[in-house]
Amino acid sequence: MNIKSSKELVDEANKSIETLSPDNVKKALEKKEITLIDVRDIRELWRDGTIENSIHIPRGMLEFWLDPNSSYYQENKISNLKKMVFFCALGFRSALATKALVDMGFKNVANAEGGFDALKNVGLKIVQKEKK
């Protein structure tokens, strides 16, 4: 069986999406120009925390929650959003997420290079995610 690797998919996605460096994400966040979207699994948020004021939309639900024609549409999650910048642990899942939204027709989206770890390293505030 000859399949594309996940690395190939991520590399292809990165060629067709906007990627912001961690420093540029931090600057845009400080200017309130972007909304950060955490696409990691909820168990990762419980274990590692998340970036303060980011919105959690699990990768598996992203296209459904943001599609007005889907029965899963979450208008309350996306009303009044600025440019959406996605992140996961290292930037791979969020690259695929960003590409999926570009394919859906979203224009104001980008991927955070290096993901959660890189954003943490430039000093963005981490908050704990409580189990409900």
Protein backbone atom coordinates (compact mmCIF):
# COMPACT_ATOMS: atom_id res chain seq x y z
CA MET A 1 0.00 0.00 0.00
CA ASN A 2 1.40 3.35 -1.04
CA ILE A 3 -0.01 6.13 1.15
CA LYS A 4 1.07 9.68 1.86
CA SER A 5 2.74 10.01 5.21
CA SER A 6 1.44 12.39 7.84
CA LYS A 7 4.70 14.34 7.38
CA GLU A 8 3.95 14.73 3.66
CA LEU A 9 0.44 15.99 4.47
CA VAL A 10 1.81 18.52 6.96
CA ASP A 11 4.53 19.65 4.53
CA GLU A 12 1.92 20.14 1.78
CA ALA A 13 -0.37 22.04 4.16
CA ASN A 14 2.46 24.34 5.23
CA LYS A 15 3.05 25.34 1.59
CA SER A 16 -0.50 26.65 1.23
CA ILE A 17 -1.22 28.29 4.60
CA GLU A 18 0.02 31.30 6.52
CA THR A 19 2.31 30.42 9.41
CA LEU A 20 3.14 32.89 12.16
CA SER A 21 6.32 32.70 14.23
CA PRO A 22 5.83 32.47 18.00
CA ASP A 23 7.11 36.06 18.36
CA ASN A 24 4.60 37.32 15.78
CA VAL A 25 1.79 35.41 17.51
CA LYS A 26 2.76 37.05 20.81
CA LYS A 27 2.85 40.54 19.24
CA ALA A 28 -0.50 40.06 17.48
CA LEU A 29 -2.04 38.73 20.68
CA GLU A 30 -0.78 41.72 22.67
CA LYS A 31 -2.38 44.01 20.07
CA LYS A 32 -5.60 41.95 20.28
CA GLU A 33 -5.44 41.25 16.53
CA ILE A 34 -5.93 37.48 16.72
CA THR A 35 -7.89 34.77 18.47
CA LEU A 36 -5.87 31.71 19.46
CA ILE A 37 -7.56 28.35 18.89
CA ASP A 38 -6.20 25.29 20.70
CA VAL A 39 -6.96 22.15 18.65
CA ARG A 40 -5.32 19.66 21.03
CA ASP A 41 -7.18 16.84 22.72
CA ILE A 42 -8.88 17.84 25.99
CA ARG A 43 -6.63 15.44 27.92
CA GLU A 44 -3.60 17.46 26.73
CA LEU A 45 -5.18 20.65 28.06
CA TRP A 46 -5.92 19.01 31.41
CA ARG A 47 -2.34 17.74 31.64
CA ASP A 48 -0.39 20.73 30.26
CA GLY A 49 -2.73 23.71 30.50
CA THR A 50 -3.44 26.07 27.61
CA ILE A 51 -2.66 29.61 26.52
CA GLU A 52 -4.68 32.17 28.49
CA ASN A 53 -7.82 33.35 26.63
CA SER A 54 -7.45 30.77 23.86
CA ILE A 55 -10.53 28.90 22.66
CA HIS A 56 -10.53 25.11 22.66
CA ILE A 57 -11.91 23.48 19.53
CA PRO A 58 -10.81 19.83 19.30
CA ARG A 59 -9.22 18.95 15.96
CA GLY A 60 -11.80 16.24 15.31
CA MET A 61 -14.69 18.72 15.59
CA LEU A 62 -13.17 21.81 13.97
CA GLU A 63 -14.78 21.64 10.53
CA PHE A 64 -18.15 20.70 12.03
CA TRP A 65 -18.20 23.40 14.72
CA LEU A 66 -17.29 26.10 12.19
CA ASP A 67 -19.70 25.02 9.43
CA PRO A 68 -23.02 26.91 9.64
CA ASN A 69 -24.70 24.02 7.79
CA SER A 70 -23.55 21.39 10.27
CA SER A 71 -25.76 20.14 13.08
CA TYR A 72 -22.67 20.60 15.30
CA TYR A 73 -22.26 24.30 14.41
CA GLN A 74 -21.08 26.32 17.43
CA GLU A 75 -21.95 29.90 16.58
CA ASN A 76 -21.17 30.96 20.14
CA LYS A 77 -17.60 29.65 19.70
CA ILE A 78 -16.87 31.78 16.65
CA SER A 79 -18.92 34.94 16.93
CA ASN A 80 -16.75 38.05 17.07
CA LEU A 81 -13.52 36.18 16.36
CA LYS A 82 -10.56 38.06 15.00
CA LYS A 83 -8.04 36.31 12.77
CA MET A 84 -7.97 32.69 13.96
CA VAL A 85 -4.52 31.31 14.75
CA PHE A 86 -4.45 27.59 15.44
CA PHE A 87 -2.02 25.69 17.62
CA CYS A 88 -1.51 22.12 18.81
CA ALA A 89 1.45 20.61 20.66
CA LEU A 90 4.10 21.12 17.95
CA GLY A 91 2.28 22.69 14.99
CA PHE A 92 1.47 19.59 12.91
CA ARG A 93 -2.22 19.03 13.68
CA SER A 94 -2.80 22.77 13.61
CA ALA A 95 -1.21 22.98 10.15
CA LEU A 96 -3.72 20.39 8.91
CA ALA A 97 -6.52 22.23 10.74
CA THR A 98 -5.56 25.55 9.13
CA LYS A 99 -5.39 23.92 5.69
CA ALA A 100 -8.86 22.37 6.20
CA LEU A 101 -10.33 25.80 6.98
CA VAL A 102 -8.59 27.38 3.98
CA ASP A 103 -10.13 24.58 1.88
CA MET A 104 -13.53 25.45 3.41
CA GLY A 105 -13.12 29.07 2.29
CA PHE A 106 -11.92 30.75 5.48
CA LYS A 107 -9.51 33.59 4.70
CA ASN A 108 -8.41 34.97 8.06
CA VAL A 109 -6.63 31.89 9.46
CA ALA A 110 -3.03 30.95 10.26
CA ASN A 111 -0.96 28.33 12.04
CA ALA A 112 1.27 29.03 15.03
CA GLU A 113 4.73 27.71 14.18
CA GLY A 114 6.05 25.29 16.78
CA GLY A 115 2.71 24.97 18.57
CA PHE A 116 2.05 25.13 22.30
CA ASP A 117 5.67 24.46 23.27
CA ALA A 118 6.96 27.37 21.17
CA LEU A 119 4.22 29.73 22.42
CA LYS A 120 5.04 28.78 26.00
CA ASN A 121 8.73 29.49 25.33
CA VAL A 122 8.04 33.08 24.16
CA GLY A 123 6.32 33.75 27.46
CA LEU A 124 2.61 33.48 26.71
CA LYS A 125 0.69 32.88 29.92
CA ILE A 126 -0.37 29.29 30.58
CA VAL A 127 -3.56 28.57 32.52
CA GLN A 128 -4.79 25.25 33.87
CA LYS A 129 -7.82 23.68 32.22
CA GLU A 130 -10.17 22.29 34.84
CA LYS A 131 -12.02 19.04 34.30
CA LYS A 132 -15.77 19.65 34.25
